[in-house]
Protein backbone atom coordinates (compact mmCIF):
# COMPACT_ATOMS: atom_id res chain seq x y z
CA LEU A 1 -53.96 42.69 -126.95
CA ARG A 2 -51.49 42.38 -124.11
CA MET A 3 -49.85 39.37 -125.76
CA ALA A 4 -49.73 41.18 -129.12
CA SER A 5 -48.14 44.22 -127.49
CA PHE A 6 -45.58 42.03 -125.75
CA ILE A 7 -44.69 40.23 -128.99
CA ALA A 8 -44.35 43.54 -130.84
CA TYR A 9 -42.14 44.91 -128.06
CA PHE A 10 -40.02 41.76 -128.06
CA VAL A 11 -39.56 41.88 -131.85
CA VAL A 12 -38.51 45.55 -131.74
CA TRP A 13 -36.13 44.87 -128.86
CA MET A 14 -34.51 41.97 -130.71
CA LEU A 15 -34.13 44.07 -133.86
CA LEU A 16 -32.49 46.87 -131.89
CA LEU A 17 -30.19 44.41 -130.15
CA GLY A 18 -29.21 42.82 -133.44
CA SER A 19 -28.53 46.16 -135.11
CA SER A 20 -26.41 47.48 -132.22
CA GLN A 21 -23.87 44.66 -132.38
CA ALA A 22 -21.93 44.01 -135.55
CA LYS A 23 -21.11 40.38 -136.21
CA TYR A 24 -17.53 39.68 -137.13
CA GLU A 25 -16.60 36.83 -139.41
CA PRO A 26 -13.58 34.56 -138.82
CA ASN A 27 -11.39 36.25 -141.43
CA TRP A 28 -8.92 39.12 -141.20
CA GLU A 29 -10.91 41.51 -143.37
CA SER A 30 -13.81 41.31 -140.94
CA ILE A 31 -11.74 41.12 -137.76
CA ASP A 32 -9.63 44.13 -138.77
CA SER A 33 -12.77 46.20 -139.44
CA ARG A 34 -13.65 46.29 -135.75
CA PRO A 35 -13.18 49.79 -134.28
CA LEU A 36 -10.68 49.95 -131.44
CA PRO A 37 -12.50 50.67 -128.16
CA GLU A 38 -11.98 54.33 -127.32
CA TRP A 39 -10.72 53.79 -123.78
CA TYR A 40 -7.45 52.28 -125.00
CA ASP A 41 -6.38 55.27 -127.10
CA GLN A 42 -7.21 57.61 -124.23
CA ALA A 43 -5.26 55.62 -121.63
CA LYS A 44 -1.77 56.11 -123.20
CA PHE A 45 0.20 54.40 -120.42
CA GLY A 46 0.22 50.86 -119.08
CA ILE A 47 2.41 48.53 -117.00
CA PHE A 48 3.73 45.20 -118.35
CA ILE A 49 4.59 42.52 -115.75
CA HIS A 50 6.87 39.60 -116.68
CA TRP A 51 6.69 37.06 -113.84
CA GLY A 52 7.14 33.30 -113.91
CA VAL A 53 9.49 30.40 -113.25
CA PHE A 54 12.14 32.26 -115.26
CA SER A 55 12.24 34.76 -112.38
CA VAL A 56 13.89 32.12 -110.15
CA PRO A 57 17.28 31.79 -111.86
CA GLY A 58 17.03 35.55 -112.45
CA PHE A 59 19.92 35.36 -114.84
CA GLY A 60 20.36 36.55 -118.42
CA SER A 61 16.82 36.66 -119.70
CA GLU A 62 13.27 35.36 -119.33
CA TRP A 63 14.34 33.06 -122.21
CA PHE A 64 16.65 31.27 -119.76
CA TRP A 65 15.33 27.76 -120.44
CA TRP A 66 15.70 28.12 -124.23
CA TYR A 67 19.18 29.63 -124.09
CA TRP A 68 20.39 27.02 -121.58
CA GLN A 69 18.85 23.83 -122.96
CA LYS A 70 18.24 24.52 -126.67
CA GLN A 71 20.93 26.95 -127.77
CA LYS A 72 23.32 25.96 -124.98
CA LEU A 73 24.81 29.43 -124.77
CA LYS A 74 28.00 29.38 -122.73
CA PRO A 75 27.04 31.99 -120.07
CA TYR A 76 23.91 29.99 -119.21
CA VAL A 77 25.63 26.60 -119.28
CA ASP A 78 28.45 27.92 -117.08
CA PHE A 79 25.96 29.51 -114.68
CA MET A 80 24.18 26.19 -114.16
CA GLN A 81 27.42 24.21 -113.80
CA ARG A 82 28.71 26.61 -111.17
CA ASN A 83 25.53 26.79 -109.09
CA TYR A 84 23.42 23.66 -109.53
CA PRO A 85 23.95 19.87 -109.48
CA PRO A 86 24.40 18.05 -112.83
CA ASP A 87 20.92 16.45 -112.72
CA PHE A 88 19.09 19.74 -112.05
CA LYS A 89 16.21 20.35 -114.48
CA TYR A 90 14.47 23.60 -115.38
CA GLN A 91 11.26 22.20 -113.88
CA ASP A 92 13.02 22.09 -110.50
CA PHE A 93 13.04 25.91 -110.47
CA ALA A 94 9.25 25.85 -110.06
CA MET A 95 9.57 24.67 -106.44
CA GLN A 96 11.56 27.85 -105.75
CA PHE A 97 8.95 30.11 -107.34
CA THR A 98 7.38 30.71 -103.94
CA ALA A 99 5.80 34.21 -104.08
CA GLU A 100 5.90 34.33 -100.27
CA PHE A 101 6.10 38.15 -100.21
CA PHE A 102 3.57 38.69 -102.99
CA ASP A 103 0.83 41.14 -102.01
CA ALA A 104 -1.44 42.10 -104.89
CA LYS A 105 -2.72 45.15 -103.00
CA GLU A 106 0.82 46.50 -102.66
CA TRP A 107 1.37 45.94 -106.36
CA THR A 108 -1.86 47.77 -107.13
CA ASP A 109 -0.81 50.73 -105.00
CA ILE A 110 2.44 51.02 -106.96
CA PHE A 111 0.65 50.70 -110.30
CA VAL A 112 -1.89 53.37 -109.38
CA SER A 113 0.84 55.70 -108.14
CA SER A 114 2.60 55.40 -111.52
CA GLY A 115 -0.26 57.06 -113.35
CA ALA A 116 -0.77 54.00 -115.55
CA LYS A 117 -4.30 53.29 -116.76
CA TYR A 118 -3.95 49.57 -117.47
CA ILE A 119 -1.73 46.62 -116.59
CA VAL A 120 -0.78 43.51 -118.57
CA LEU A 121 0.25 40.45 -116.54
CA THR A 122 2.04 37.47 -118.09
CA THR A 123 -0.26 34.55 -117.33
CA LYS A 124 1.95 32.16 -119.31
CA HIS A 125 5.25 32.75 -121.08
CA HIS A 126 6.93 30.47 -123.62
CA GLU A 127 7.99 28.11 -120.80
CA GLY A 128 4.34 27.00 -120.49
CA PHE A 129 3.99 27.57 -116.72
CA THR A 130 0.62 29.20 -115.98
CA LEU A 131 0.10 31.63 -113.10
CA TRP A 132 -3.40 30.25 -112.60
CA GLY A 133 -4.57 26.68 -112.02
CA SER A 134 -5.06 25.86 -115.68
CA LYS A 135 -6.77 22.51 -116.22
CA ASN A 136 -4.69 22.20 -119.37
CA SER A 137 -1.33 22.62 -117.61
CA TRP A 138 -1.40 19.86 -115.01
CA ASN A 139 1.34 20.14 -112.39
CA TRP A 140 2.97 22.99 -114.34
CA ASN A 141 1.01 25.87 -112.84
CA ALA A 142 1.12 28.12 -109.76
CA VAL A 143 -1.72 26.29 -107.98
CA ASP A 144 -0.25 22.79 -108.24
CA ILE A 145 3.38 23.68 -107.58
CA GLY A 146 5.45 26.57 -106.19
CA PRO A 147 3.20 29.24 -104.67
CA LYS A 148 0.15 26.92 -104.55
CA ARG A 149 -1.95 30.02 -105.28
CA ASP A 150 -3.95 31.44 -108.16
CA LEU A 151 -1.71 34.44 -108.76
CA VAL A 152 -3.78 35.73 -111.68
CA ASP A 153 -6.92 35.77 -109.55
CA GLU A 154 -5.14 37.67 -106.78
CA VAL A 155 -3.95 40.35 -109.20
CA VAL A 156 -7.37 40.58 -110.85
CA SER A 157 -9.19 40.84 -107.51
CA ALA A 158 -6.86 43.54 -106.15
CA ILE A 159 -6.97 45.58 -109.36
CA ARG A 160 -10.77 45.56 -109.49
CA ALA A 161 -11.29 46.14 -105.77
CA ASN A 162 -8.81 48.95 -105.24
CA SER A 163 -8.42 50.90 -108.47
CA SER A 164 -9.88 51.99 -111.77
CA LEU A 165 -7.06 50.30 -113.69
CA ARG A 166 -8.03 48.24 -116.71
CA LEU A 167 -6.96 44.60 -116.63
CA GLY A 168 -4.77 43.09 -119.32
CA LEU A 169 -3.49 39.52 -119.62
CA TYR A 170 -0.53 38.29 -121.67
CA HIS A 171 -0.60 34.75 -123.04
CA SER A 172 1.97 32.92 -125.16
CA LEU A 173 0.48 30.88 -127.99
CA PHE A 174 3.31 28.35 -128.16
CA GLU A 175 5.54 26.58 -125.63
CA TRP A 176 9.18 25.83 -126.38
CA PHE A 177 9.34 22.21 -125.30
CA ASN A 178 5.73 21.02 -125.29
CA PRO A 179 5.74 17.62 -127.08
CA LEU A 180 2.46 18.36 -128.85
CA PHE A 181 3.80 21.59 -130.29
CA GLU A 182 7.04 19.89 -131.29
CA GLN A 183 4.99 17.19 -133.04
CA ASP A 184 2.93 19.77 -134.94
CA ALA A 185 6.08 21.66 -135.91
CA ALA A 186 7.65 18.44 -137.21
CA ASN A 187 4.50 18.01 -139.33
CA VAL A 188 4.98 21.55 -140.70
CA PHE A 189 1.81 22.55 -138.84
CA THR A 190 -0.44 20.32 -140.94
CA THR A 191 -1.66 18.91 -137.61
CA ASN A 192 -3.01 21.06 -134.77
CA TYR A 193 -2.87 18.88 -131.68
CA PHE A 194 -1.29 21.61 -129.58
CA PRO A 195 -3.65 24.58 -130.21
CA THR A 196 -6.82 22.51 -129.93
CA SER A 197 -5.81 20.78 -126.69
CA LYS A 198 -3.76 23.54 -125.02
CA THR A 199 -3.66 27.06 -126.44
CA LEU A 200 -7.29 27.65 -127.36
CA PRO A 201 -8.79 26.10 -124.19
CA GLU A 202 -6.47 28.32 -122.14
CA LEU A 203 -7.48 31.46 -124.05
CA TYR A 204 -11.19 30.76 -123.64
CA GLU A 205 -10.66 30.02 -119.94
CA LEU A 206 -8.73 33.25 -119.34
CA VAL A 207 -11.38 35.38 -121.02
CA VAL A 208 -14.40 33.74 -119.39
CA LYS A 209 -12.88 33.50 -115.92
CA TYR A 210 -10.98 36.80 -115.61
CA LYS A 211 -12.62 39.04 -118.26
CA PRO A 212 -9.52 40.99 -119.37
CA GLU A 213 -9.90 44.21 -121.35
CA VAL A 214 -6.50 43.75 -123.00
CA LEU A 215 -5.56 40.36 -124.43
CA TRP A 216 -1.85 40.51 -125.28
CA SER A 217 -0.98 37.55 -127.48
CA ASP A 218 2.62 36.54 -128.18
CA GLY A 219 4.84 33.69 -129.34
CA ASP A 220 3.46 32.30 -132.59
CA GLY A 221 6.27 29.75 -132.86
CA ASP A 222 6.58 30.58 -136.58
CA ALA A 223 3.19 28.92 -137.12
CA PRO A 224 0.53 30.63 -139.31
CA ASP A 225 -2.65 32.10 -137.89
CA LYS A 226 -4.73 29.28 -139.44
CA TYR A 227 -2.84 26.79 -137.26
CA TRP A 228 -3.82 28.79 -134.17
CA ASN A 229 -7.38 29.41 -135.47
CA SER A 230 -6.76 33.02 -134.51
CA THR A 231 -9.56 34.56 -136.57
CA GLY A 232 -12.04 32.01 -135.22
CA PHE A 233 -11.09 32.83 -131.66
CA LEU A 234 -11.12 36.59 -132.27
CA ALA A 235 -14.55 36.39 -133.90
CA TRP A 236 -15.82 34.75 -130.72
CA LEU A 237 -13.98 37.32 -128.58
CA TYR A 238 -15.56 40.24 -130.44
CA ASN A 239 -19.03 38.71 -130.90
CA ASP A 240 -19.88 36.58 -127.90
CA SER A 241 -17.31 36.90 -125.11
CA PRO A 242 -18.12 38.69 -121.83
CA VAL A 243 -15.71 41.51 -122.84
CA ARG A 244 -16.78 41.82 -126.48
CA ASP A 245 -17.49 45.57 -126.22
CA THR A 246 -14.35 46.73 -124.38
CA VAL A 247 -11.56 44.23 -125.08
CA VAL A 248 -8.58 45.24 -127.19
CA THR A 249 -6.04 42.91 -128.75
CA ASN A 250 -2.62 43.27 -130.29
CA ASP A 251 -1.19 41.95 -133.56
CA ARG A 252 0.64 38.74 -132.58
CA TRP A 253 -1.74 36.03 -133.76
CA GLY A 254 0.40 33.96 -136.12
CA PHE A 255 3.43 34.23 -138.36
CA GLY A 256 3.11 37.34 -140.55
CA SER A 257 0.27 38.97 -138.60
CA ILE A 258 2.48 41.33 -136.58
CA CYS A 259 2.14 44.95 -137.68
CA THR A 260 -0.51 43.78 -140.19
CA HIS A 261 -3.57 42.36 -138.42
CA GLY A 262 -5.24 42.76 -135.05
CA GLY A 263 -6.52 45.55 -132.84
CA TYR A 264 -3.39 47.64 -132.31
CA TYR A 265 0.11 47.10 -133.67
CA THR A 266 3.26 46.32 -131.66
CA CYS A 267 5.48 45.70 -134.73
CA ALA A 268 8.53 44.89 -132.58
CA ASP A 269 9.70 44.95 -128.99
CA ARG A 270 10.83 48.44 -127.96
CA TYR A 271 9.15 49.83 -131.08
CA GLN A 272 9.55 53.59 -131.53
CA PRO A 273 8.92 54.76 -135.14
CA GLY A 274 9.61 58.45 -134.40
CA HIS A 275 6.72 59.59 -136.59
CA LEU A 276 2.93 59.33 -136.74
CA LEU A 277 1.49 56.00 -137.89
CA LYS A 278 -1.86 55.52 -139.57
CA HIS A 279 -2.80 52.62 -137.29
CA LYS A 280 -2.95 52.65 -133.48
CA TRP A 281 0.24 51.18 -132.03
CA GLU A 282 1.95 50.38 -128.74
CA ASN A 283 5.54 50.70 -127.62
CA CYS A 284 6.20 47.76 -125.29
CA MET A 285 9.57 48.27 -123.65
CA THR A 286 11.29 47.44 -120.39
CA ILE A 287 13.02 49.42 -117.66
CA ASP A 288 15.82 46.83 -117.55
CA GLN A 289 17.24 47.18 -121.05
CA LYS A 290 18.70 43.64 -121.08
CA SER A 291 15.73 41.58 -119.89
CA TRP A 292 11.95 41.54 -119.43
CA GLY A 293 12.16 39.22 -116.43
CA TYR A 294 13.89 39.81 -113.09
CA ARG A 295 17.72 39.72 -113.16
CA ARG A 296 19.54 39.31 -109.86
CA ASN A 297 22.84 40.52 -111.31
CA ALA A 298 21.60 43.54 -113.28
CA PRO A 299 23.85 46.60 -112.75
CA LEU A 300 22.34 50.04 -112.25
CA SER A 301 23.58 51.14 -115.68
CA ASP A 302 21.20 48.66 -117.36
CA TYR A 303 18.13 50.40 -115.94
CA LEU A 304 16.68 53.33 -117.86
CA THR A 305 16.66 56.63 -115.97
CA ILE A 306 13.45 58.50 -115.25
CA GLU A 307 14.53 61.16 -117.77
CA GLN A 308 14.74 58.45 -120.45
CA LEU A 309 11.38 56.99 -119.48
CA VAL A 310 9.55 60.32 -119.52
CA SER A 311 11.16 61.13 -122.87
CA THR A 312 9.99 57.78 -124.24
CA LEU A 313 6.43 58.35 -123.00
CA VAL A 314 6.26 61.83 -124.54
CA GLU A 315 7.63 60.73 -127.91
CA THR A 316 5.38 57.66 -128.01
CA VAL A 317 2.19 59.62 -127.30
CA SER A 318 3.20 62.41 -129.67
CA CYS A 319 3.39 59.82 -132.47
CA GLY A 320 -0.01 58.34 -131.62
CA GLY A 321 1.11 55.33 -129.58
CA ASN A 322 0.62 53.90 -126.10
CA LEU A 323 3.55 53.07 -123.81
CA LEU A 324 3.53 49.65 -122.11
CA LEU A 325 6.37 49.84 -119.58
CA ASN A 326 7.67 46.52 -118.25
CA ILE A 327 8.89 45.43 -114.83
CA GLY A 328 10.12 42.02 -113.66
CA PRO A 329 9.09 41.06 -110.10
CA THR A 330 11.23 38.76 -107.95
CA PRO A 331 10.38 35.05 -107.53
CA ASP A 332 9.24 35.78 -103.97
CA GLY A 333 6.73 38.34 -105.29
CA ARG A 334 8.35 41.71 -104.68
CA ILE A 335 8.61 44.66 -107.04
CA ALA A 336 12.26 45.61 -106.60
CA PRO A 337 12.91 49.15 -105.27
CA ILE A 338 14.46 50.31 -108.57
CA PHE A 339 11.25 49.43 -110.43
CA GLU A 340 9.06 50.93 -107.73
CA GLU A 341 11.04 54.16 -107.75
CA ARG A 342 10.79 54.51 -111.53
CA LEU A 343 7.04 53.87 -111.52
CA ARG A 344 6.34 56.31 -108.70
CA GLN A 345 8.50 58.93 -110.46
CA MET A 346 6.41 58.49 -113.61
CA GLY A 347 3.36 59.17 -111.49
CA GLN A 348 4.91 62.32 -110.03
CA TRP A 349 5.53 63.64 -113.53
CA LEU A 350 2.05 62.74 -114.74
CA LYS A 351 0.39 64.50 -111.80
CA VAL A 352 1.75 67.75 -113.21
CA ASN A 353 1.77 67.00 -116.93
CA GLY A 354 -0.91 64.33 -117.38
CA GLU A 355 -3.16 66.81 -119.17
CA ALA A 356 -0.73 66.66 -122.09
CA ILE A 357 -0.79 62.84 -122.17
CA TYR A 358 -4.18 61.37 -121.30
CA ASN A 359 -7.07 61.81 -123.75
CA THR A 360 -4.87 63.56 -126.29
CA THR A 361 -4.24 62.91 -129.97
CA ALA A 362 -1.28 63.44 -132.23
CA TRP A 363 -1.05 66.99 -133.60
CA ARG A 364 -0.30 67.91 -137.24
CA ALA A 365 3.38 68.16 -136.23
CA GLN A 366 4.98 65.66 -133.87
CA LYS A 367 8.33 67.35 -133.31
CA ASP A 368 9.45 70.98 -133.54
CA THR A 369 11.71 71.75 -136.48
CA VAL A 370 13.73 74.44 -134.65
CA THR A 371 13.84 73.03 -131.11
CA PRO A 372 14.19 69.25 -131.55
CA SER A 373 13.73 68.52 -127.85
CA VAL A 374 10.06 69.58 -128.13
CA TRP A 375 7.31 67.05 -128.93
CA TYR A 376 3.68 68.03 -129.46
CA THR A 377 0.35 66.57 -128.35
CA PHE A 378 -3.14 67.92 -128.92
CA ARG A 379 -6.62 68.07 -127.39
CA GLN A 380 -8.99 68.19 -130.31
CA GLN A 381 -12.18 69.34 -128.56
CA GLU A 382 -10.57 72.23 -126.68
CA LYS A 383 -8.12 73.06 -129.49
CA ILE A 384 -5.23 72.99 -127.01
CA ILE A 385 -1.66 72.39 -128.18
CA PHE A 386 0.87 70.96 -125.74
CA ALA A 387 4.57 71.53 -126.32
CA ASN A 388 6.52 69.03 -124.22
CA LEU A 389 10.07 70.24 -123.45
CA LEU A 390 12.48 67.41 -122.73
CA GLU A 391 15.25 69.88 -121.87
CA TRP A 392 15.09 73.15 -119.93
CA PRO A 393 16.78 75.88 -122.03
CA HIS A 394 19.75 77.60 -120.44
CA ASN A 395 19.09 80.95 -122.12
CA GLY A 396 15.71 81.48 -120.45
CA SER A 397 13.53 81.05 -123.55
CA VAL A 398 12.37 78.46 -126.04
CA VAL A 399 11.46 78.92 -129.71
CA LEU A 400 8.49 76.96 -131.07
CA ASN A 401 8.44 77.01 -134.84
CA GLU A 402 5.31 74.98 -135.56
CA PRO A 403 2.36 76.77 -133.86
CA VAL A 404 0.53 79.56 -135.68
CA VAL A 405 -0.14 82.29 -133.10
CA THR A 406 -2.00 85.60 -132.82
CA GLN A 407 -1.06 88.38 -130.38
CA GLY A 408 -3.91 89.23 -128.06
CA HIS A 409 -5.48 85.83 -128.63
CA THR A 410 -2.83 83.16 -128.01
CA GLN A 411 -2.00 82.31 -124.41
CA VAL A 412 0.89 80.21 -123.12
CA GLU A 413 1.01 78.49 -119.74
CA LEU A 414 3.63 76.30 -118.05
CA LEU A 415 1.78 73.38 -116.46
CA GLY A 416 2.18 73.43 -112.70
CA TYR A 417 3.31 77.07 -112.73
CA GLY A 418 1.10 79.54 -114.62
CA PRO A 419 0.96 81.99 -117.57
CA LEU A 420 4.12 82.96 -119.44
CA LYS A 421 5.09 85.87 -121.67
CA TRP A 422 5.77 85.24 -125.33
CA GLY A 423 6.50 87.08 -128.59
CA PRO A 424 6.01 86.24 -132.28
CA MET A 425 8.90 85.17 -134.48
CA LYS A 426 9.46 85.88 -138.16
CA PRO A 427 8.42 84.38 -140.49
CA GLY A 428 6.37 82.30 -138.00
CA GLY A 429 6.26 80.64 -134.62
CA LEU A 430 6.87 82.17 -131.21
CA GLN A 431 9.49 82.65 -128.52
CA VAL A 432 8.37 81.81 -124.98
CA LEU A 433 10.09 83.45 -122.01
CA LEU A 434 10.61 80.93 -119.24
CA PRO A 435 10.65 81.89 -115.56
CA GLN A 436 13.91 81.88 -113.62
CA LEU A 437 13.27 79.11 -111.13
CA SER A 438 15.46 77.28 -108.66
CA PHE A 439 15.43 73.49 -108.68
CA SER A 440 12.97 73.37 -105.78
CA GLN A 441 10.64 75.85 -107.52
CA MET A 442 10.32 73.78 -110.68
CA PRO A 443 6.81 72.34 -111.20
CA CYS A 444 8.51 69.01 -112.03
CA GLN A 445 12.06 67.76 -112.37
CA TRP A 446 12.44 65.93 -115.67
CA ALA A 447 10.41 67.46 -118.52
CA TRP A 448 8.08 70.42 -118.78
CA THR A 449 4.91 71.18 -120.70
CA LEU A 450 3.72 74.41 -122.31
CA ARG A 451 -0.03 74.70 -122.81
CA LEU A 452 -1.00 76.81 -125.84
CA THR A 453 -4.54 78.07 -126.35
CA GLY A 454 -5.70 80.30 -129.19
CA ALA A 455 -3.08 78.79 -131.51
CA SER A 456 -3.26 76.44 -134.43
């Protein structure tokens, strides 16, 4: 009887286990049917980190190697002729990628202070250099040369030991000058020497070893998803990997997949549609408008102001997206003061106004039709409307045309301050009277949020 009871229990348990986990097939129809894990939509704000050998020249762009050696753009060629000997190779920069001031705990403190809920670290860009000791990147990784450290592991360990941040890892599918990729490209991708010996082993290793909850793929090299076996890998990721229940992926899994297939859409760098999309999307953009990697010669005017960054966050969330805000650390491992200041300022704003960002959804209207500097967000369960003011009106009031209000029922509050007086407008909407506050009395300095209850 005991054995029969055990067998019956085991059979029921296996049936329940099998029914609780959908099995995804290695095709886009099946892969795209997977629901996006809820945590990602609630998070709204993440930090992108572009760090690698390209940080050493710190000139022009993280595409330095390509622009210098392949396209031979004059500013890059002149830069090398002025500053380096004629026989200097891009690989020689790796010795100068030292990371001697890198402290993952300090990075984590800055990330937490920003109010971000997840980070995405570049583990390998198109140059092929891996920030961990990849077995498939011999002598072109941060353990064998340069820092002689597993930089990915240090970031992962600090994030998980000192914060509630979710971990994301960026990985480039292709590598500009890898001979195997060049051979496959010459064969019009009818051979797949590169993905089977390099890309796919790296992806499996990253997932199994570091267990990221965001896998940010990039750089398809104009090769189709079948060449990369993207659907096969994603089926494994969603069915059998150690992060199968929580991991989210983007849409860069082969030529033509962007903005079409994958977990959430990126569509383009610095993507800002300005209206609500049907599919979850992410705006990946960078504080330095000219580069994703560190630039030693970047002027102050190239860095976005905190007003611009807050405005971008508000508009992105209002239209249903997440903001992934990029910084480029120095080759010695520091987050430059300008980046640190911007991130900590974002955190200051979110401490006051985070209620209007985290765990919200897009409302029926994204932008006010009378006051265009107002963007809306919404909390579905509590039926709370947030009107985010990007500019403080000079006349002491703001008109909101979209909300439907009822006197005696609707209440308006300025986050960080308190209740406000308001009056109905004809034929609809309301006028909110704002308090007369000095600069030091303002609840925040860059944008302000009105909380509307009892409105629709």
